[in-house]
């Protein structure tokens, strides 16, 4: 299958091939079904599923994913929504590029 890109884990006795699809997105170790969860189309150990800002443990009901980064609801709101600054959050520089394009040329921006 196309998702089967094995990673070889060396043990003291022998090597074990582990598909990438079974690896934790954070620690890169194998995730067994009873110890993991799937969020944002990636597998995680429950202990590796935490906010990137405050390192608090997340659950499937209290996380937000933005550009592959995981946040708790309070820090997501603090970092992206409360600033009111598109460039620091969702735009990731897009607004600056658009403004420069329209400022430095004779192009017209029509907003409907």
PDB file of N, CA and C in Angstrom:
ATOM      1  N   UNK A   1       0.840  -1.193   0.000  1.00  0.00           N
ATOM      2  CA  UNK A   1       0.000   0.000   0.000  1.00  0.00           C
ATOM      3  C   UNK A   1       0.870   1.236   0.000  1.00  0.00           C
ATOM      4  N   UNK A   2       0.328   2.375  -0.391  1.00  0.00           N
ATOM      5  CA  UNK A   2       1.142   3.584  -0.519  1.00  0.00           C
ATOM      6  C   UNK A   2       1.542   4.184   0.826  1.00  0.00           C
ATOM      7  N   UNK A   3       0.848   3.847   1.926  1.00  0.00           N
ATOM      8  CA  UNK A   3       1.193   4.372   3.249  1.00  0.00           C
ATOM      9  C   UNK A   3       2.221   3.511   3.965  1.00  0.00           C
ATOM     10  N   UNK A   4       2.676   2.448   3.346  1.00  0.00           N
ATOM     11  CA  UNK A   4       3.596   1.552   4.009  1.00  0.00           C
ATOM     12  C   UNK A   4       5.025   1.945   3.691  1.00  0.00           C
ATOM     13  N   UNK A   5       5.575   2.859   4.476  1.00  0.00           N
ATOM     14  CA  UNK A   5       6.974   3.259   4.399  1.00  0.00           C
ATOM     15  C   UNK A   5       7.605   2.849   5.712  1.00  0.00           C
ATOM     16  N   UNK A   6       8.134   1.644   5.790  1.00  0.00           N
ATOM     17  CA  UNK A   6       8.594   1.131   7.083  1.00  0.00           C
ATOM     18  C   UNK A   6       9.816   1.866   7.622  1.00  0.00           C
ATOM     19  N   UNK A   7       9.854   1.964   8.923  1.00  0.00           N
ATOM     20  CA  UNK A   7      11.011   2.480   9.645  1.00  0.00           C
ATOM     21  C   UNK A   7      11.560   1.294  10.421  1.00  0.00           C
ATOM     22  N   UNK A   8      12.842   1.109  10.382  1.00  0.00           N
ATOM     23  CA  UNK A   8      13.456  -0.032  11.052  1.00  0.00           C
ATOM     24  C   UNK A   8      13.875   0.379  12.456  1.00  0.00           C
ATOM     25  N   UNK A   9      13.386  -0.372  13.434  1.00  0.00           N
ATOM     26  CA  UNK A   9      13.745  -0.131  14.833  1.00  0.00           C
ATOM     27  C   UNK A   9      14.687  -1.251  15.245  1.00  0.00           C
ATOM     28  N   UNK A  10      15.866  -0.893  15.707  1.00  0.00           N
ATOM     29  CA  UNK A  10      16.869  -1.869  16.102  1.00  0.00           C
ATOM     30  C   UNK A  10      16.675  -2.223  17.574  1.00  0.00           C
ATOM     31  N   UNK A  11      16.512  -3.485  17.863  1.00  0.00           N
ATOM     32  CA  UNK A  11      16.436  -3.952  19.240  1.00  0.00           C
ATOM     33  C   UNK A  11      17.689  -4.754  19.532  1.00  0.00           C
ATOM     34  N   UNK A  12      17.831  -5.178  20.755  1.00  0.00           N
ATOM     35  CA  UNK A  12      19.034  -5.933  21.120  1.00  0.00           C
ATOM     36  C   UNK A  12      19.059  -7.304  20.445  1.00  0.00           C
ATOM     37  N   UNK A  13      17.881  -7.806  20.030  1.00  0.00           N
ATOM     38  CA  UNK A  13      17.833  -9.134  19.433  1.00  0.00           C
ATOM     39  C   UNK A  13      17.748  -9.065  17.910  1.00  0.00           C
ATOM     40  N   UNK A  14      16.824  -8.242  17.394  1.00  0.00           N
ATOM     41  CA  UNK A  14      16.632  -8.173  15.948  1.00  0.00           C
ATOM     42  C   UNK A  14      15.949  -6.868  15.559  1.00  0.00           C
ATOM     43  N   UNK A  15      15.852  -6.641  14.264  1.00  0.00           N
ATOM     44  CA  UNK A  15      15.210  -5.435  13.750  1.00  0.00           C
ATOM     45  C   UNK A  15      13.728  -5.692  13.528  1.00  0.00           C
ATOM     46  N   UNK A  16      12.932  -4.646  13.757  1.00  0.00           N
ATOM     47  CA  UNK A  16      11.490  -4.730  13.544  1.00  0.00           C
ATOM     48  C   UNK A  16      11.109  -3.630  12.563  1.00  0.00           C
ATOM     49  N   UNK A  17      10.357  -3.995  11.533  1.00  0.00           N
ATOM     50  CA  UNK A  17       9.880  -2.995  10.567  1.00  0.00           C
ATOM     51  C   UNK A  17       8.537  -2.454  11.052  1.00  0.00           C
ATOM     52  N   UNK A  18       8.475  -1.133  11.209  1.00  0.00           N
ATOM     53  CA  UNK A  18       7.257  -0.478  11.677  1.00  0.00           C
ATOM     54  C   UNK A  18       6.808   0.498  10.603  1.00  0.00           C
ATOM     55  N   UNK A  19       5.588   0.364  10.092  1.00  0.00           N
ATOM     56  CA  UNK A  19       5.097   1.307   9.081  1.00  0.00           C
ATOM     57  C   UNK A  19       5.019   2.723   9.651  1.00  0.00           C
ATOM     58  N   UNK A  20       5.303   3.712   8.817  1.00  0.00           N
ATOM     59  CA  UNK A  20       5.225   5.109   9.250  1.00  0.00           C
ATOM     60  C   UNK A  20       3.847   5.450   9.791  1.00  0.00           C
ATOM     61  N   UNK A  21       2.826   4.820   9.242  1.00  0.00           N
ATOM     62  CA  UNK A  21       1.459   5.100   9.669  1.00  0.00           C
ATOM     63  C   UNK A  21       1.186   4.670  11.108  1.00  0.00           C
ATOM     64  N   UNK A  22       2.081   3.873  11.689  1.00  0.00           N
ATOM     65  CA  UNK A  22       1.925   3.429  13.079  1.00  0.00           C
ATOM     66  C   UNK A  22       2.845   4.188  14.033  1.00  0.00           C
ATOM     67  N   UNK A  23       3.502   5.225  13.541  1.00  0.00           N
ATOM     68  CA  UNK A  23       4.447   5.980  14.362  1.00  0.00           C
ATOM     69  C   UNK A  23       3.790   7.221  14.949  1.00  0.00           C
ATOM     70  N   UNK A  24       4.159   7.564  16.164  1.00  0.00           N
ATOM     71  CA  UNK A  24       3.667   8.772  16.819  1.00  0.00           C
ATOM     72  C   UNK A  24       4.250   9.996  16.112  1.00  0.00           C
ATOM     73  N   UNK A  25       3.407  10.986  15.833  1.00  0.00           N
ATOM     74  CA  UNK A  25       3.837  12.196  15.134  1.00  0.00           C
ATOM     75  C   UNK A  25       4.808  13.023  15.972  1.00  0.00           C
ATOM     76  N   UNK A  26       4.826  12.821  17.287  1.00  0.00           N
ATOM     77  CA  UNK A  26       5.706  13.610  18.162  1.00  0.00           C
ATOM     78  C   UNK A  26       7.007  12.879  18.470  1.00  0.00           C
ATOM     79  N   UNK A  27       6.916  11.696  19.063  1.00  0.00           N
ATOM     80  CA  UNK A  27       8.132  10.996  19.524  1.00  0.00           C
ATOM     81  C   UNK A  27       8.692  10.004  18.514  1.00  0.00           C
ATOM     82  N   UNK A  28       7.946   9.741  17.440  1.00  0.00           N
ATOM     83  CA  UNK A  28       8.377   8.842  16.359  1.00  0.00           C
ATOM     84  C   UNK A  28       8.544   7.388  16.804  1.00  0.00           C
ATOM     85  N   UNK A  29       7.870   6.993  17.886  1.00  0.00           N
ATOM     86  CA  UNK A  29       7.870   5.606  18.337  1.00  0.00           C
ATOM     87  C   UNK A  29       6.547   4.965  17.946  1.00  0.00           C
ATOM     88  N   UNK A  30       6.520   3.649  17.961  1.00  0.00           N
ATOM     89  CA  UNK A  30       5.316   2.918  17.556  1.00  0.00           C
ATOM     90  C   UNK A  30       4.156   3.216  18.503  1.00  0.00           C
ATOM     91  N   UNK A  31       2.968   3.398  17.913  1.00  0.00           N
ATOM     92  CA  UNK A  31       1.747   3.629  18.687  1.00  0.00           C
ATOM     93  C   UNK A  31       0.896   2.371  18.602  1.00  0.00           C
ATOM     94  N   UNK A  32       0.694   1.715  19.721  1.00  0.00           N
ATOM     95  CA  UNK A  32      -0.177   0.541  19.762  1.00  0.00           C
ATOM     96  C   UNK A  32      -1.618   1.014  19.952  1.00  0.00           C
ATOM     97  N   UNK A  33      -2.589   0.278  19.407  1.00  0.00           N
ATOM     98  CA  UNK A  33      -3.985   0.735  19.410  1.00  0.00           C
ATOM     99  C   UNK A  33      -4.526   1.183  20.768  1.00  0.00           C
ATOM    100  N   UNK A  34      -4.202   0.518  21.838  1.00  0.00           N
ATOM    101  CA  UNK A  34      -4.765   0.865  23.145  1.00  0.00           C
ATOM    102  C   UNK A  34      -4.086   2.077  23.792  1.00  0.00           C
ATOM    103  N   UNK A  35      -2.945   2.506  23.281  1.00  0.00           N
ATOM    104  CA  UNK A  35      -2.232   3.615  23.914  1.00  0.00           C
ATOM    105  C   UNK A  35      -2.210   4.883  23.069  1.00  0.00           C
ATOM    106  N   UNK A  36      -2.950   4.889  21.961  1.00  0.00           N
ATOM    107  CA  UNK A  36      -2.866   6.036  21.068  1.00  0.00           C
ATOM    108  C   UNK A  36      -4.200   6.613  20.675  1.00  0.00           C
ATOM    109  N   UNK A  37      -4.114   7.685  19.887  1.00  0.00           N
ATOM    110  CA  UNK A  37      -5.291   8.329  19.337  1.00  0.00           C
ATOM    111  C   UNK A  37      -4.923   8.934  18.000  1.00  0.00           C
ATOM    112  N   UNK A  38      -5.936   9.244  17.205  1.00  0.00           N
ATOM    113  CA  UNK A  38      -5.719   9.850  15.894  1.00  0.00           C
ATOM    114  C   UNK A  38      -6.358  11.221  15.900  1.00  0.00           C
ATOM    115  N   UNK A  39      -5.571  12.226  15.554  1.00  0.00           N
ATOM    116  CA  UNK A  39      -6.055  13.608  15.474  1.00  0.00           C
ATOM    117  C   UNK A  39      -5.350  14.280  14.309  1.00  0.00           C
ATOM    118  N   UNK A  40      -6.070  15.082  13.577  1.00  0.00           N
ATOM    119  CA  UNK A  40      -5.502  15.808  12.441  1.00  0.00           C
ATOM    120  C   UNK A  40      -4.813  14.842  11.467  1.00  0.00           C
ATOM    121  N   UNK A  41      -5.411  13.665  11.297  1.00  0.00           N
ATOM    122  CA  UNK A  41      -4.928  12.611  10.394  1.00  0.00           C
ATOM    123  C   UNK A  41      -3.554  12.065  10.779  1.00  0.00           C
ATOM    124  N   UNK A  42      -3.177  12.193  12.048  1.00  0.00           N
ATOM    125  CA  UNK A  42      -1.895  11.672  12.538  1.00  0.00           C
ATOM    126  C   UNK A  42      -2.136  10.860  13.801  1.00  0.00           C
ATOM    127  N   UNK A  43      -1.231   9.923  14.076  1.00  0.00           N
ATOM    128  CA  UNK A  43      -1.312   9.125  15.297  1.00  0.00           C
ATOM    129  C   UNK A  43      -0.437   9.745  16.378  1.00  0.00           C
ATOM    130  N   UNK A  44      -0.917   9.628  17.613  1.00  0.00           N
ATOM    131  CA  UNK A  44      -0.187  10.151  18.770  1.00  0.00           C
ATOM    132  C   UNK A  44      -0.325   9.165  19.928  1.00  0.00           C
ATOM    133  N   UNK A  45       0.695   9.105  20.785  1.00  0.00           N
ATOM    134  CA  UNK A  45       0.514   8.490  22.094  1.00  0.00           C
ATOM    135  C   UNK A  45      -0.320   9.481  22.898  1.00  0.00           C
ATOM    136  N   UNK A  46      -1.134   8.991  23.788  1.00  0.00           N
ATOM    137  CA  UNK A  46      -1.931   9.907  24.619  1.00  0.00           C
ATOM    138  C   UNK A  46      -1.023  10.856  25.390  1.00  0.00           C
ATOM    139  N   UNK A  47       0.128  10.369  25.817  1.00  0.00           N
ATOM    140  CA  UNK A  47       1.067  11.201  26.582  1.00  0.00           C
ATOM    141  C   UNK A  47       1.826  12.201  25.707  1.00  0.00           C
ATOM    142  N   UNK A  48       1.808  12.022  24.391  1.00  0.00           N
ATOM    143  CA  UNK A  48       2.496  12.943  23.471  1.00  0.00           C
ATOM    144  C   UNK A  48       1.547  13.986  22.877  1.00  0.00           C
ATOM    145  N   UNK A  49       0.279  13.906  23.227  1.00  0.00           N
ATOM    146  CA  UNK A  49      -0.739  14.780  22.658  1.00  0.00           C
ATOM    147  C   UNK A  49      -0.896  15.980  23.590  1.00  0.00           C
ATOM    148  N   UNK A  50      -0.103  17.045  23.333  1.00  0.00           N
ATOM    149  CA  UNK A  50      -0.103  18.200  24.232  1.00  0.00           C
ATOM    150  C   UNK A  50      -0.023  19.506  23.453  1.00  0.00           C
ATOM    151  N   UNK A  51      -0.390  20.595  24.103  1.00  0.00           N
ATOM    152  CA  UNK A  51      -0.358  21.932  23.516  1.00  0.00           C
ATOM    153  C   UNK A  51       1.094  22.345  23.271  1.00  0.00           C
ATOM    154  N   UNK A  52       1.372  22.867  22.086  1.00  0.00           N
ATOM    155  CA  UNK A  52       2.738  23.283  21.773  1.00  0.00           C
ATOM    156  C   UNK A  52       3.157  24.547  22.518  1.00  0.00           C
ATOM    157  N   UNK A  53       2.192  25.282  23.042  1.00  0.00           N
ATOM    158  CA  UNK A  53       2.519  26.526  23.740  1.00  0.00           C
ATOM    159  C   UNK A  53       2.755  26.296  25.236  1.00  0.00           C
ATOM    160  N   UNK A  54       1.837  25.570  25.896  1.00  0.00           N
ATOM    161  CA  UNK A  54       1.928  25.405  27.355  1.00  0.00           C
ATOM    162  C   UNK A  54       2.280  23.987  27.783  1.00  0.00           C
ATOM    163  N   UNK A  55       2.342  23.060  26.850  1.00  0.00           N
ATOM    164  CA  UNK A  55       2.646  21.647  27.106  1.00  0.00           C
ATOM    165  C   UNK A  55       1.604  20.928  27.954  1.00  0.00           C
ATOM    166  N   UNK A  56       0.404  21.503  28.117  1.00  0.00           N
ATOM    167  CA  UNK A  56      -0.660  20.802  28.828  1.00  0.00           C
ATOM    168  C   UNK A  56      -1.211  19.693  27.953  1.00  0.00           C
ATOM    169  N   UNK A  57      -1.620  18.618  28.618  1.00  0.00           N
ATOM    170  CA  UNK A  57      -2.174  17.465  27.911  1.00  0.00           C
ATOM    171  C   UNK A  57      -3.483  17.855  27.232  1.00  0.00           C
ATOM    172  N   UNK A  58      -3.657  17.379  26.000  1.00  0.00           N
ATOM    173  CA  UNK A  58      -4.866  17.647  25.231  1.00  0.00           C
ATOM    174  C   UNK A  58      -5.719  16.388  25.153  1.00  0.00           C
ATOM    175  N   UNK A  59      -6.970  16.578  24.775  1.00  0.00           N
ATOM    176  CA  UNK A  59      -7.853  15.459  24.473  1.00  0.00           C
ATOM    177  C   UNK A  59      -8.526  15.767  23.142  1.00  0.00           C
ATOM    178  N   UNK A  60      -9.230  14.801  22.590  1.00  0.00           N
ATOM    179  CA  UNK A  60      -9.871  15.010  21.296  1.00  0.00           C
ATOM    180  C   UNK A  60     -10.936  16.096  21.351  1.00  0.00           C
ATOM    181  N   UNK A  61     -11.449  16.389  22.532  1.00  0.00           N
ATOM    182  CA  UNK A  61     -12.483  17.404  22.666  1.00  0.00           C
ATOM    183  C   UNK A  61     -11.984  18.790  22.980  1.00  0.00           C
ATOM    184  N   UNK A  62     -10.688  18.952  23.242  1.00  0.00           N
ATOM    185  CA  UNK A  62     -10.207  20.283  23.646  1.00  0.00           C
ATOM    186  C   UNK A  62      -8.948  20.736  22.917  1.00  0.00           C
ATOM    187  N   UNK A  63      -8.799  20.381  21.657  1.00  0.00           N
ATOM    188  CA  UNK A  63      -7.607  20.819  20.934  1.00  0.00           C
ATOM    189  C   UNK A  63      -8.004  21.507  19.637  1.00  0.00           C
ATOM    190  N   UNK A  64      -7.071  22.316  19.131  1.00  0.00           N
ATOM    191  CA  UNK A  64      -7.222  22.958  17.828  1.00  0.00           C
ATOM    192  C   UNK A  64      -5.919  22.711  17.078  1.00  0.00           C
ATOM    193  N   UNK A  65      -6.036  22.374  15.807  1.00  0.00           N
ATOM    194  CA  UNK A  65      -4.862  22.164  14.970  1.00  0.00           C
ATOM    195  C   UNK A  65      -4.798  23.273  13.929  1.00  0.00           C
ATOM    196  N   UNK A  66      -3.643  23.910  13.829  1.00  0.00           N
ATOM    197  CA  UNK A  66      -3.447  24.964  12.840  1.00  0.00           C
ATOM    198  C   UNK A  66      -2.094  24.763  12.173  1.00  0.00           C
ATOM    199  N   UNK A  67      -2.084  24.528  10.889  1.00  0.00           N
ATOM    200  CA  UNK A  67      -0.863  24.308  10.106  1.00  0.00           C
ATOM    201  C   UNK A  67       0.005  23.204  10.718  1.00  0.00           C
ATOM    202  N   UNK A  68      -0.651  22.139  11.195  1.00  0.00           N
ATOM    203  CA  UNK A  68       0.076  21.005  11.747  1.00  0.00           C
ATOM    204  C   UNK A  68       0.531  21.167  13.185  1.00  0.00           C
ATOM    205  N   UNK A  69       0.191  22.270  13.821  1.00  0.00           N
ATOM    206  CA  UNK A  69       0.559  22.511  15.209  1.00  0.00           C
ATOM    207  C   UNK A  69      -0.668  22.363  16.087  1.00  0.00           C
ATOM    208  N   UNK A  70      -0.493  21.780  17.277  1.00  0.00           N
ATOM    209  CA  UNK A  70      -1.600  21.526  18.193  1.00  0.00           C
ATOM    210  C   UNK A  70      -1.604  22.540  19.334  1.00  0.00           C
ATOM    211  N   UNK A  71      -2.803  23.027  19.661  1.00  0.00           N
ATOM    212  CA  UNK A  71      -2.956  24.006  20.742  1.00  0.00           C
ATOM    213  C   UNK A  71      -4.183  23.670  21.571  1.00  0.00           C
ATOM    214  N   UNK A  72      -4.159  24.058  22.845  1.00  0.00           N
ATOM    215  CA  UNK A  72      -5.358  24.007  23.659  1.00  0.00           C
ATOM    216  C   UNK A  72      -6.223  25.206  23.256  1.00  0.00           C
ATOM    217  N   UNK A  73      -7.502  25.157  23.550  1.00  0.00           N
ATOM    218  CA  UNK A  73      -8.394  26.246  23.146  1.00  0.00           C
ATOM    219  C   UNK A  73      -7.964  27.608  23.696  1.00  0.00           C
ATOM    220  N   UNK A  74      -7.605  27.711  24.993  1.00  0.00           N
ATOM    221  CA  UNK A  74      -7.209  29.038  25.509  1.00  0.00           C
ATOM    222  C   UNK A  74      -6.006  29.634  24.779  1.00  0.00           C
ATOM    223  N   UNK A  75      -4.986  28.826  24.500  1.00  0.00           N
ATOM    224  CA  UNK A  75      -3.798  29.380  23.841  1.00  0.00           C
ATOM    225  C   UNK A  75      -4.026  29.621  22.355  1.00  0.00           C
ATOM    226  N   UNK A  76      -4.867  28.830  21.734  1.00  0.00           N
ATOM    227  CA  UNK A  76      -5.235  29.093  20.345  1.00  0.00           C
ATOM    228  C   UNK A  76      -5.890  30.472  20.250  1.00  0.00           C
ATOM    229  N   UNK A  77      -6.841  30.726  21.146  1.00  0.00           N
ATOM    230  CA  UNK A  77      -7.523  32.027  21.144  1.00  0.00           C
ATOM    231  C   UNK A  77      -6.549  33.153  21.460  1.00  0.00           C
ATOM    232  N   UNK A  78      -5.685  32.925  22.448  1.00  0.00           N
ATOM    233  CA  UNK A  78      -4.718  33.952  22.850  1.00  0.00           C
ATOM    234  C   UNK A  78      -3.727  34.264  21.730  1.00  0.00           C
ATOM    235  N   UNK A  79      -3.223  33.240  21.075  1.00  0.00           N
ATOM    236  CA  UNK A  79      -2.177  33.433  20.080  1.00  0.00           C
ATOM    237  C   UNK A  79      -2.687  33.904  18.727  1.00  0.00           C
ATOM    238  N   UNK A  80      -3.907  33.523  18.356  1.00  0.00           N
ATOM    239  CA  UNK A  80      -4.359  33.808  17.002  1.00  0.00           C
ATOM    240  C   UNK A  80      -5.607  34.671  16.900  1.00  0.00           C
ATOM    241  N   UNK A  81      -6.576  34.441  17.740  1.00  0.00           N
ATOM    242  CA  UNK A  81      -7.824  35.179  17.591  1.00  0.00           C
ATOM    243  C   UNK A  81      -7.796  36.537  18.269  1.00  0.00           C
ATOM    244  N   UNK A  82      -7.270  36.625  19.467  1.00  0.00           N
ATOM    245  CA  UNK A  82      -7.366  37.871  20.222  1.00  0.00           C
ATOM    246  C   UNK A  82      -6.463  38.978  19.682  1.00  0.00           C
ATOM    247  N   UNK A  83      -5.423  38.632  18.925  1.00  0.00           N
ATOM    248  CA  UNK A  83      -4.536  39.652  18.369  1.00  0.00           C
ATOM    249  C   UNK A  83      -5.237  40.485  17.308  1.00  0.00           C
ATOM    250  N   UNK A  84      -6.163  39.858  16.608  1.00  0.00           N
ATOM    251  CA  UNK A  84      -6.816  40.555  15.517  1.00  0.00           C
ATOM    252  C   UNK A  84      -5.853  40.864  14.395  1.00  0.00           C
ATOM    253  N   UNK A  85      -4.751  40.152  14.348  1.00  0.00           N
ATOM    254  CA  UNK A  85      -3.730  40.399  13.355  1.00  0.00           C
ATOM    255  C   UNK A  85      -3.617  39.184  12.449  1.00  0.00           C
ATOM    256  N   UNK A  86      -4.180  39.304  11.281  1.00  0.00           N
ATOM    257  CA  UNK A  86      -4.190  38.210  10.317  1.00  0.00           C
ATOM    258  C   UNK A  86      -2.782  37.704  10.025  1.00  0.00           C
ATOM    259  N   UNK A  87      -1.837  38.608   9.959  1.00  0.00           N
ATOM    260  CA  UNK A  87      -0.474  38.253   9.579  1.00  0.00           C
ATOM    261  C   UNK A  87       0.195  37.345  10.609  1.00  0.00           C
ATOM    262  N   UNK A  88      -0.080  37.557  11.895  1.00  0.00           N
ATOM    263  CA  UNK A  88       0.543  36.739  12.925  1.00  0.00           C
ATOM    264  C   UNK A  88      -0.116  35.369  13.073  1.00  0.00           C
ATOM    265  N   UNK A  89      -1.301  35.206  12.547  1.00  0.00           N
ATOM    266  CA  UNK A  89      -2.017  33.952  12.718  1.00  0.00           C
ATOM    267  C   UNK A  89      -2.205  33.220  11.431  1.00  0.00           C
ATOM    268  N   UNK A  90      -3.408  33.307  10.899  1.00  0.00           N
ATOM    269  CA  UNK A  90      -3.781  32.492   9.756  1.00  0.00           C
ATOM    270  C   UNK A  90      -3.050  32.866   8.476  1.00  0.00           C
ATOM    271  N   UNK A  91      -2.761  34.157   8.262  1.00  0.00           N
ATOM    272  CA  UNK A  91      -2.185  34.605   6.999  1.00  0.00           C
ATOM    273  C   UNK A  91      -0.756  34.202   6.789  1.00  0.00           C
ATOM    274  N   UNK A  92      -0.009  34.080   7.842  1.00  0.00           N
ATOM    275  CA  UNK A  92       1.401  33.710   7.783  1.00  0.00           C
ATOM    276  C   UNK A  92       2.149  34.477   6.704  1.00  0.00           C
ATOM    277  N   UNK A  93       2.000  35.792   6.704  1.00  0.00           N
ATOM    278  CA  UNK A  93       2.743  36.631   5.764  1.00  0.00           C
ATOM    279  C   UNK A  93       2.008  36.930   4.483  1.00  0.00           C
ATOM    280  N   UNK A  94       0.901  36.277   4.238  1.00  0.00           N
ATOM    281  CA  UNK A  94       0.160  36.478   2.996  1.00  0.00           C
ATOM    282  C   UNK A  94      -0.308  37.919   2.855  1.00  0.00           C
ATOM    283  N   UNK A  95      -0.804  38.509   3.941  1.00  0.00           N
ATOM    284  CA  UNK A  95      -1.320  39.876   3.878  1.00  0.00           C
ATOM    285  C   UNK A  95      -0.224  40.846   3.449  1.00  0.00           C
ATOM    286  N   UNK A  96       0.954  40.705   3.993  1.00  0.00           N
ATOM    287  CA  UNK A  96       2.078  41.583   3.652  1.00  0.00           C
ATOM    288  C   UNK A  96       2.417  41.466   2.166  1.00  0.00           C
ATOM    289  N   UNK A  97       2.434  40.234   1.646  1.00  0.00           N
ATOM    290  CA  UNK A  97       2.733  40.021   0.229  1.00  0.00           C
ATOM    291  C   UNK A  97       1.667  40.651  -0.669  1.00  0.00           C
ATOM    292  N   UNK A  98       0.409  40.492  -0.300  1.00  0.00           N
ATOM    293  CA  UNK A  98      -0.671  41.076  -1.101  1.00  0.00           C
ATOM    294  C   UNK A  98      -0.609  42.600  -1.091  1.00  0.00           C
ATOM    295  N   UNK A  99      -0.382  43.181   0.091  1.00  0.00           N
ATOM    296  CA  UNK A  99      -0.299  44.634   0.185  1.00  0.00           C
ATOM    297  C   UNK A  99       0.875  45.171  -0.627  1.00  0.00           C
ATOM    298  N   UNK A 100       2.010  44.504  -0.585  1.00  0.00           N
ATOM    299  CA  UNK A 100       3.178  44.931  -1.362  1.00  0.00           C
ATOM    300  C   UNK A 100       2.894  44.836  -2.856  1.00  0.00           C
ATOM    301  N   UNK A 101       2.212  43.797  -3.260  1.00  0.00           N
ATOM    302  CA  UNK A 101       1.876  43.604  -4.672  1.00  0.00           C
ATOM    303  C   UNK A 101       1.000  44.749  -5.179  1.00  0.00           C
ATOM    304  N   UNK A 102      -0.018  45.093  -4.420  1.00  0.00           N
ATOM    305  CA  UNK A 102      -0.934  46.135  -4.866  1.00  0.00           C
ATOM    306  C   UNK A 102      -0.349  47.539  -4.677  1.00  0.00           C
ATOM    307  N   UNK A 103       0.553  47.699  -3.725  1.00  0.00           N
ATOM    308  CA  UNK A 103       1.173  49.005  -3.490  1.00  0.00           C
ATOM    309  C   UNK A 103       2.219  49.323  -4.551  1.00  0.00           C
ATOM    310  N   UNK A 104       2.986  48.307  -4.958  1.00  0.00           N
ATOM    311  CA  UNK A 104       4.097  48.506  -5.881  1.00  0.00           C
ATOM    312  C   UNK A 104       3.696  48.395  -7.351  1.00  0.00           C
ATOM    313  N   UNK A 105       2.431  48.210  -7.638  1.00  0.00           N
ATOM    314  CA  UNK A 105       2.028  48.075  -9.029  1.00  0.00           C
ATOM    315  C   UNK A 105       0.752  48.880  -9.258  1.00  0.00           C
ATOM    316  N   UNK A 106       0.313  48.843 -10.481  1.00  0.00           N
ATOM    317  CA  UNK A 106      -0.901  49.544 -10.827  1.00  0.00           C
ATOM    318  C   UNK A 106      -2.094  48.608 -10.796  1.00  0.00           C
ATOM    319  N   UNK A 107      -1.945  47.471 -10.134  1.00  0.00           N
ATOM    320  CA  UNK A 107      -3.036  46.513 -10.040  1.00  0.00           C
ATOM    321  C   UNK A 107      -4.121  47.054  -9.118  1.00  0.00           C
ATOM    322  N   UNK A 108      -5.323  46.719  -9.426  1.00  0.00           N
ATOM    323  CA  UNK A 108      -6.454  47.177  -8.638  1.00  0.00           C
ATOM    324  C   UNK A 108      -6.994  46.011  -7.841  1.00  0.00           C
ATOM    325  N   UNK A 109      -7.350  46.275  -6.610  1.00  0.00           N
ATOM    326  CA  UNK A 109      -7.967  45.277  -5.753  1.00  0.00           C
ATOM    327  C   UNK A 109      -9.452  45.604  -5.686  1.00  0.00           C
ATOM    328  N   UNK A 110     -10.267  44.694  -6.161  1.00  0.00           N
ATOM    329  CA  UNK A 110     -11.703  44.896  -6.122  1.00  0.00           C
ATOM    330  C   UNK A 110     -12.271  43.932  -5.091  1.00  0.00           C
ATOM    331  N   UNK A 111     -12.918  44.473  -4.079  1.00  0.00           N
ATOM    332  CA  UNK A 111     -13.505  43.662  -3.023  1.00  0.00           C
ATOM    333  C   UNK A 111     -15.010  43.666  -3.200  1.00  0.00           C
ATOM    334  N   UNK A 112     -15.576  42.497  -3.271  1.00  0.00           N
ATOM    335  CA  UNK A 112     -17.034  42.389  -3.453  1.00  0.00           C
ATOM    336  C   UNK A 112     -17.697  42.058  -2.149  1.00  0.00           C
TER     337      UNK A 112
END
